[in-house]
Every structure is written in structure tokens, then in C-alpha cells.
């Protein structure tokens, strides 16, 4: 029963569409402007950089928060702490992708997934963050930076942990792989635009 409650609350927290709510409070309908996405990138493009940073931070926290809280609530004696934390992260991530509050029309999962990874695999997340920042600063393509981070997370998880697919590690590894693939799939239109040279850069085109 506790796990069910954790998953439900995690989903509902992850489903909070901060980008949409903040934009609507300023008289902006994100679903009809820019890329029509509720994520931080579109918020930043439509409303300005600092609004985008705010939404990214909130989306990050709604991924990290449920995982952190689940770790506190989980009973360590059962040996299921990693499973409970990971499943809370999965629920929050799914909530962001498919928020019940907006008819299951959500974001691309980058910030929320990063929040989950920051708690589950902090060292890998730190490396991915640094690479993400370098790619973003050198290319000004948010999508390229996010795609690079997603691929790198999979590679690092599988190459730095010899027991990635055994024991309690398997649930965390599965999250890293599945969430990264989900981020990549959600960026399919961006990938097409990158190939065609029509993708928007931060601060311009």
C-alpha cells in the first residue's frame, strides 16, 4: 500500500505542468506558441531566459523530490530501497511526459529526468551535466545538448558499472536506459531539424 501511495503521489507531482501554469499566469498559452511544448526551452524562447531557468529548476525538483522522499520512506530492511526510489522516479518522469492535468500532453522529460538521475546516480549525473553544458555553450542547441546527455547517461551507466544488470542495480540501469530513450524519441522533430539545419538556437535561429 505504501508503494502504491508513493507512486501515485510521485506521478501527480511529476505531472504538475509548471511551464504551462507559469506562462498562463503571465497571460501566455504555451500550447499555442513557439514549439507548443510546456518545457523550459519553449518557456525561455517565448517568455525570456530567466522564466525558462525557473521552469527548468521546478521541473528538475519535481523529479528529484519524489525520489529523495521515497528513499526516506522506504524500509531499508526489506532491501527494496533502490527499487522504491527508482519507481518513484519513473512515476514522476511519466507524470511529466503524460500529465493528467493537461490531457496527458506533456514535455520532453529532460529536466525531470535529470532530477531523478541526480538522486539515483549523482556521479554520472555530474559528468553528464558538465558535458551537457559544454555542448550547449558551444553550439547553442538545447536539443543537441539534451540528446548528447541522454546518450551519455546510457553509455556511462553501462560502462562504469560492471554489475549494471544484476541485483538491485538492474532497476536503476533500466531507468537510465528507458528514460534516455524516451527523451531521444520525444526529440524526434528536433533531430530532423538538426539534420536539415533548421533547428532553433538559444538566442536566435
C-alpha atoms as a PDB file:
ATOM      1  CA  UNK A   1       0.000   0.000   0.000  1.00  0.00           C
ATOM      2  CA  UNK A   2       2.856   2.360   0.820  1.00  0.00           C
ATOM      3  CA  UNK A   3       4.483   1.758  -2.571  1.00  0.00           C
ATOM      4  CA  UNK A   4       1.180   2.400  -4.343  1.00  0.00           C
ATOM      5  CA  UNK A   5       0.768   5.679  -2.483  1.00  0.00           C
ATOM      6  CA  UNK A   6       4.358   6.701  -3.253  1.00  0.00           C
ATOM      7  CA  UNK A   7       3.852   6.004  -6.961  1.00  0.00           C
ATOM      8  CA  UNK A   8       0.552   7.898  -7.087  1.00  0.00           C
ATOM      9  CA  UNK A   9       1.921  10.957  -5.303  1.00  0.00           C
ATOM     10  CA  UNK A  10       5.108  10.863  -7.396  1.00  0.00           C
ATOM     11  CA  UNK A  11       3.073  10.787 -10.602  1.00  0.00           C
ATOM     12  CA  UNK A  12       0.836  13.665  -9.503  1.00  0.00           C
ATOM     13  CA  UNK A  13       3.871  15.750  -8.502  1.00  0.00           C
ATOM     14  CA  UNK A  14       5.682  14.944 -11.734  1.00  0.00           C
ATOM     15  CA  UNK A  15       2.564  15.827 -13.701  1.00  0.00           C
ATOM     16  CA  UNK A  16       2.430  19.408 -12.381  1.00  0.00           C
ATOM     17  CA  UNK A  17       2.877  21.471 -15.590  1.00  0.00           C
ATOM     18  CA  UNK A  18       4.959  24.280 -14.133  1.00  0.00           C
ATOM     19  CA  UNK A  19       5.756  25.742 -17.539  1.00  0.00           C
ATOM     20  CA  UNK A  20       2.115  25.914 -18.533  1.00  0.00           C
ATOM     21  CA  UNK A  21       0.972  27.301 -15.159  1.00  0.00           C
ATOM     22  CA  UNK A  22       3.641  29.997 -15.011  1.00  0.00           C
ATOM     23  CA  UNK A  23       3.042  31.013 -18.617  1.00  0.00           C
ATOM     24  CA  UNK A  24      -0.724  31.206 -18.092  1.00  0.00           C
ATOM     25  CA  UNK A  25      -0.176  33.382 -15.025  1.00  0.00           C
ATOM     26  CA  UNK A  26       1.555  35.819 -17.375  1.00  0.00           C
ATOM     27  CA  UNK A  27      -1.186  35.607 -19.994  1.00  0.00           C
ATOM     28  CA  UNK A  28       0.703  33.228 -22.299  1.00  0.00           C
ATOM     29  CA  UNK A  29      -0.670  29.955 -23.675  1.00  0.00           C
ATOM     30  CA  UNK A  30       2.349  27.736 -24.333  1.00  0.00           C
ATOM     31  CA  UNK A  31       0.237  25.178 -26.145  1.00  0.00           C
ATOM     32  CA  UNK A  32      -0.271  27.640 -28.975  1.00  0.00           C
ATOM     33  CA  UNK A  33       3.086  29.435 -29.052  1.00  0.00           C
ATOM     34  CA  UNK A  34       6.639  28.584 -30.019  1.00  0.00           C
ATOM     35  CA  UNK A  35       7.138  24.840 -30.247  1.00  0.00           C
ATOM     36  CA  UNK A  36       3.829  24.379 -28.373  1.00  0.00           C
ATOM     37  CA  UNK A  37       5.722  22.453 -25.691  1.00  0.00           C
ATOM     38  CA  UNK A  38       5.325  23.125 -21.958  1.00  0.00           C
ATOM     39  CA  UNK A  39       9.015  22.600 -21.194  1.00  0.00           C
ATOM     40  CA  UNK A  40      11.647  25.084 -20.078  1.00  0.00           C
ATOM     41  CA  UNK A  41      13.142  25.604 -23.536  1.00  0.00           C
ATOM     42  CA  UNK A  42       9.873  26.821 -25.016  1.00  0.00           C
ATOM     43  CA  UNK A  43       9.190  28.940 -21.941  1.00  0.00           C
ATOM     44  CA  UNK A  44      12.593  30.566 -22.329  1.00  0.00           C
ATOM     45  CA  UNK A  45      12.051  31.171 -26.024  1.00  0.00           C
ATOM     46  CA  UNK A  46       8.556  32.632 -25.607  1.00  0.00           C
ATOM     47  CA  UNK A  47       8.876  34.451 -22.281  1.00  0.00           C
ATOM     48  CA  UNK A  48      12.572  35.049 -21.757  1.00  0.00           C
ATOM     49  CA  UNK A  49      15.662  33.305 -20.400  1.00  0.00           C
ATOM     50  CA  UNK A  50      15.014  33.624 -16.678  1.00  0.00           C
ATOM     51  CA  UNK A  51      11.486  32.278 -16.955  1.00  0.00           C
ATOM     52  CA  UNK A  52      12.971  29.277 -18.728  1.00  0.00           C
ATOM     53  CA  UNK A  53      15.540  28.817 -15.960  1.00  0.00           C
ATOM     54  CA  UNK A  54      12.773  28.967 -13.349  1.00  0.00           C
ATOM     55  CA  UNK A  55      10.705  26.316 -15.107  1.00  0.00           C
ATOM     56  CA  UNK A  56      13.754  24.100 -15.633  1.00  0.00           C
ATOM     57  CA  UNK A  57      14.532  24.311 -11.911  1.00  0.00           C
ATOM     58  CA  UNK A  58      10.976  23.463 -10.887  1.00  0.00           C
ATOM     59  CA  UNK A  59      10.769  20.583 -13.367  1.00  0.00           C
ATOM     60  CA  UNK A  60      14.117  19.316 -12.057  1.00  0.00           C
ATOM     61  CA  UNK A  61      12.876  19.429  -8.456  1.00  0.00           C
ATOM     62  CA  UNK A  62       9.662  17.566  -9.248  1.00  0.00           C
ATOM     63  CA  UNK A  63      11.861  14.719 -10.460  1.00  0.00           C
ATOM     64  CA  UNK A  64      14.397  14.808  -7.639  1.00  0.00           C
ATOM     65  CA  UNK A  65      11.883  15.428  -4.841  1.00  0.00           C
ATOM     66  CA  UNK A  66       9.820  12.240  -5.123  1.00  0.00           C
ATOM     67  CA  UNK A  67      12.957  10.085  -5.416  1.00  0.00           C
ATOM     68  CA  UNK A  68      14.527  11.686  -2.356  1.00  0.00           C
ATOM     69  CA  UNK A  69      11.296  11.394  -0.354  1.00  0.00           C
ATOM     70  CA  UNK A  70      10.782   7.766  -1.398  1.00  0.00           C
ATOM     71  CA  UNK A  71      14.277   6.943  -0.174  1.00  0.00           C
ATOM     72  CA  UNK A  72      13.362   8.292   3.252  1.00  0.00           C
ATOM     73  CA  UNK A  73      10.048   6.458   3.358  1.00  0.00           C
ATOM     74  CA  UNK A  74      11.344   3.110   2.098  1.00  0.00           C
ATOM     75  CA  UNK A  75      12.097   0.427   4.650  1.00  0.00           C
ATOM     76  CA  UNK A  76      15.815  -0.377   4.295  1.00  0.00           C
ATOM     77  CA  UNK A  77      15.373  -3.755   5.999  1.00  0.00           C
ATOM     78  CA  UNK A  78      13.418  -5.064   3.012  1.00  0.00           C
ATOM     79  CA  UNK A  79      16.260  -4.386   0.579  1.00  0.00           C
ATOM     80  CA  UNK A  80      13.856  -2.579  -1.744  1.00  0.00           C
ATOM     81  CA  UNK A  81      15.028   0.976  -1.149  1.00  0.00           C
ATOM     82  CA  UNK A  82      16.612   1.344  -4.615  1.00  0.00           C
ATOM     83  CA  UNK A  83      13.539  -0.213  -6.210  1.00  0.00           C
ATOM     84  CA  UNK A  84      11.194   2.156  -4.366  1.00  0.00           C
ATOM     85  CA  UNK A  85      13.289   5.238  -5.192  1.00  0.00           C
ATOM     86  CA  UNK A  86      13.594   4.267  -8.832  1.00  0.00           C
ATOM     87  CA  UNK A  87       9.901   3.538  -9.226  1.00  0.00           C
ATOM     88  CA  UNK A  88       9.085   6.908  -7.656  1.00  0.00           C
ATOM     89  CA  UNK A  89      11.386   8.487 -10.227  1.00  0.00           C
ATOM     90  CA  UNK A  90       9.717   6.557 -13.046  1.00  0.00           C
ATOM     91  CA  UNK A  91       6.292   7.711 -11.858  1.00  0.00           C
ATOM     92  CA  UNK A  92       7.398  11.354 -11.688  1.00  0.00           C
ATOM     93  CA  UNK A  93       9.014  11.095 -15.132  1.00  0.00           C
ATOM     94  CA  UNK A  94       5.890   9.569 -16.658  1.00  0.00           C
ATOM     95  CA  UNK A  95       3.846  12.279 -14.967  1.00  0.00           C
ATOM     96  CA  UNK A  96       5.871  14.943 -16.753  1.00  0.00           C
ATOM     97  CA  UNK A  97       5.579  13.209 -20.113  1.00  0.00           C
ATOM     98  CA  UNK A  98       1.865  12.488 -19.728  1.00  0.00           C
ATOM     99  CA  UNK A  99       0.335  14.926 -17.197  1.00  0.00           C
ATOM    100  CA  UNK A 100      -3.249  14.170 -16.276  1.00  0.00           C
ATOM    101  CA  UNK A 101      -3.837  17.884 -15.713  1.00  0.00           C
ATOM    102  CA  UNK A 102      -3.271  18.706 -19.398  1.00  0.00           C
ATOM    103  CA  UNK A 103      -4.936  15.742 -21.052  1.00  0.00           C
ATOM    104  CA  UNK A 104      -1.642  13.793 -20.997  1.00  0.00           C
ATOM    105  CA  UNK A 105       0.100  16.359 -23.200  1.00  0.00           C
ATOM    106  CA  UNK A 106       3.454  16.918 -21.528  1.00  0.00           C
ATOM    107  CA  UNK A 107       7.065  17.921 -22.013  1.00  0.00           C
ATOM    108  CA  UNK A 108      10.120  16.078 -23.291  1.00  0.00           C
ATOM    109  CA  UNK A 109      11.371  14.921 -19.903  1.00  0.00           C
ATOM    110  CA  UNK A 110      14.855  16.433 -19.866  1.00  0.00           C
ATOM    111  CA  UNK A 111      14.678  18.471 -16.650  1.00  0.00           C
ATOM    112  CA  UNK A 112      12.515  15.994 -14.728  1.00  0.00           C
ATOM    113  CA  UNK A 113      14.624  13.042 -15.856  1.00  0.00           C
ATOM    114  CA  UNK A 114      17.746  14.951 -14.838  1.00  0.00           C
ATOM    115  CA  UNK A 115      16.250  15.480 -11.392  1.00  0.00           C
ATOM    116  CA  UNK A 116      15.614  11.763 -10.985  1.00  0.00           C
ATOM    117  CA  UNK A 117      19.125  10.875 -12.202  1.00  0.00           C
ATOM    118  CA  UNK A 118      20.709  13.442  -9.876  1.00  0.00           C
ATOM    119  CA  UNK A 119      19.449  11.466  -6.880  1.00  0.00           C
ATOM    120  CA  UNK A 120      19.816   7.938  -8.263  1.00  0.00           C
ATOM    121  CA  UNK A 121      23.230   8.273  -9.940  1.00  0.00           C
ATOM    122  CA  UNK A 122      24.762  11.558  -8.711  1.00  0.00           C
ATOM    123  CA  UNK A 123      28.291  10.986 -10.048  1.00  0.00           C
ATOM    124  CA  UNK A 124      27.124  10.029 -13.512  1.00  0.00           C
ATOM    125  CA  UNK A 125      24.690  12.933 -13.462  1.00  0.00           C
ATOM    126  CA  UNK A 126      27.538  15.341 -12.650  1.00  0.00           C
ATOM    127  CA  UNK A 127      29.553  14.172 -15.649  1.00  0.00           C
ATOM    128  CA  UNK A 128      26.517  14.318 -17.923  1.00  0.00           C
ATOM    129  CA  UNK A 129      25.714  17.825 -16.655  1.00  0.00           C
ATOM    130  CA  UNK A 130      29.211  19.072 -17.474  1.00  0.00           C
ATOM    131  CA  UNK A 131      29.099  17.620 -20.985  1.00  0.00           C
ATOM    132  CA  UNK A 132      25.561  18.957 -21.482  1.00  0.00           C
ATOM    133  CA  UNK A 133      26.740  22.446 -20.503  1.00  0.00           C
ATOM    134  CA  UNK A 134      29.746  22.306 -22.842  1.00  0.00           C
ATOM    135  CA  UNK A 135      27.615  21.218 -25.808  1.00  0.00           C
ATOM    136  CA  UNK A 136      25.002  23.867 -25.049  1.00  0.00           C
ATOM    137  CA  UNK A 137      27.516  26.688 -24.674  1.00  0.00           C
ATOM    138  CA  UNK A 138      29.471  25.762 -27.793  1.00  0.00           C
ATOM    139  CA  UNK A 139      26.544  25.051 -30.134  1.00  0.00           C
ATOM    140  CA  UNK A 140      23.620  26.893 -28.502  1.00  0.00           C
ATOM    141  CA  UNK A 141      21.422  23.946 -29.461  1.00  0.00           C
ATOM    142  CA  UNK A 142      19.433  22.918 -26.389  1.00  0.00           C
ATOM    143  CA  UNK A 143      18.120  19.863 -28.210  1.00  0.00           C
ATOM    144  CA  UNK A 144      21.609  18.679 -29.175  1.00  0.00           C
ATOM    145  CA  UNK A 145      22.826  19.127 -25.609  1.00  0.00           C
ATOM    146  CA  UNK A 146      19.860  17.154 -24.276  1.00  0.00           C
ATOM    147  CA  UNK A 147      20.316  14.356 -26.809  1.00  0.00           C
ATOM    148  CA  UNK A 148      24.025  14.155 -26.025  1.00  0.00           C
ATOM    149  CA  UNK A 149      23.259  13.953 -22.313  1.00  0.00           C
ATOM    150  CA  UNK A 150      20.704  11.182 -22.833  1.00  0.00           C
ATOM    151  CA  UNK A 151      23.095   9.045 -24.880  1.00  0.00           C
ATOM    152  CA  UNK A 152      25.982   9.701 -22.498  1.00  0.00           C
ATOM    153  CA  UNK A 153      23.938   8.623 -19.478  1.00  0.00           C
ATOM    154  CA  UNK A 154      23.302   5.229 -21.073  1.00  0.00           C
ATOM    155  CA  UNK A 155      26.933   4.801 -22.082  1.00  0.00           C
ATOM    156  CA  UNK A 156      28.316   5.764 -18.674  1.00  0.00           C
ATOM    157  CA  UNK A 157      25.859   3.597 -16.764  1.00  0.00           C
ATOM    158  CA  UNK A 158      26.716   0.530 -18.840  1.00  0.00           C
ATOM    159  CA  UNK A 159      30.490   1.066 -18.982  1.00  0.00           C
ATOM    160  CA  UNK A 160      31.281   2.232 -15.452  1.00  0.00           C
ATOM    161  CA  UNK A 161      29.262  -0.371 -13.568  1.00  0.00           C
ATOM    162  CA  UNK A 162      30.198  -3.995 -14.157  1.00  0.00           C
ATOM    163  CA  UNK A 163      27.096  -5.099 -12.248  1.00  0.00           C
ATOM    164  CA  UNK A 164      24.724  -2.760 -14.053  1.00  0.00           C
ATOM    165  CA  UNK A 165      22.313  -5.581 -14.923  1.00  0.00           C
ATOM    166  CA  UNK A 166      22.457  -7.573 -11.710  1.00  0.00           C
ATOM    167  CA  UNK A 167      20.900  -7.365  -8.267  1.00  0.00           C
ATOM    168  CA  UNK A 168      19.418  -4.066  -7.163  1.00  0.00           C
ATOM    169  CA  UNK A 169      21.351  -2.242  -9.897  1.00  0.00           C
ATOM    170  CA  UNK A 170      19.052  -3.503 -12.614  1.00  0.00           C
ATOM    171  CA  UNK A 171      16.167  -1.158 -11.753  1.00  0.00           C
ATOM    172  CA  UNK A 172      18.395   1.931 -11.829  1.00  0.00           C
ATOM    173  CA  UNK A 173      20.055   0.799 -15.066  1.00  0.00           C
ATOM    174  CA  UNK A 174      16.661   0.165 -16.623  1.00  0.00           C
ATOM    175  CA  UNK A 175      15.545   3.674 -15.686  1.00  0.00           C
ATOM    176  CA  UNK A 176      18.691   5.236 -17.160  1.00  0.00           C
ATOM    177  CA  UNK A 177      18.201   3.385 -20.440  1.00  0.00           C
ATOM    178  CA  UNK A 178      14.429   3.703 -20.793  1.00  0.00           C
ATOM    179  CA  UNK A 179      14.244   7.345 -19.691  1.00  0.00           C
ATOM    180  CA  UNK A 180      17.110   8.311 -22.010  1.00  0.00           C
ATOM    181  CA  UNK A 181      15.470   6.530 -24.944  1.00  0.00           C
ATOM    182  CA  UNK A 182      12.190   8.292 -24.122  1.00  0.00           C
ATOM    183  CA  UNK A 183      13.954  11.666 -24.181  1.00  0.00           C
ATOM    184  CA  UNK A 184      15.521  10.816 -27.535  1.00  0.00           C
ATOM    185  CA  UNK A 185      12.181   9.726 -29.007  1.00  0.00           C
ATOM    186  CA  UNK A 186      10.484  12.913 -27.765  1.00  0.00           C
ATOM    187  CA  UNK A 187      13.188  14.879 -29.587  1.00  0.00           C
ATOM    188  CA  UNK A 188      12.497  13.237 -32.960  1.00  0.00           C
ATOM    189  CA  UNK A 189      11.282  16.511 -34.559  1.00  0.00           C
ATOM    190  CA  UNK A 190      14.378  18.273 -33.212  1.00  0.00           C
ATOM    191  CA  UNK A 191      16.615  15.589 -34.694  1.00  0.00           C
ATOM    192  CA  UNK A 192      15.021  16.154 -38.094  1.00  0.00           C
ATOM    193  CA  UNK A 193      15.557  19.902 -37.803  1.00  0.00           C
ATOM    194  CA  UNK A 194      19.179  19.423 -36.709  1.00  0.00           C
ATOM    195  CA  UNK A 195      19.807  17.270 -39.771  1.00  0.00           C
ATOM    196  CA  UNK A 196      18.091  19.819 -42.025  1.00  0.00           C
ATOM    197  CA  UNK A 197      19.887  22.764 -40.409  1.00  0.00           C
ATOM    198  CA  UNK A 198      16.628  24.422 -39.351  1.00  0.00           C
ATOM    199  CA  UNK A 199      16.780  23.848 -35.582  1.00  0.00           C
ATOM    200  CA  UNK A 200      16.436  26.946 -33.388  1.00  0.00           C
ATOM    201  CA  UNK A 201      19.430  28.034 -31.338  1.00  0.00           C
ATOM    202  CA  UNK A 202      19.213  29.728 -27.975  1.00  0.00           C
ATOM    203  CA  UNK A 203      19.066  33.445 -28.576  1.00  0.00           C
ATOM    204  CA  UNK A 204      18.189  33.110 -32.226  1.00  0.00           C
ATOM    205  CA  UNK A 205      17.927  30.590 -35.092  1.00  0.00           C
END
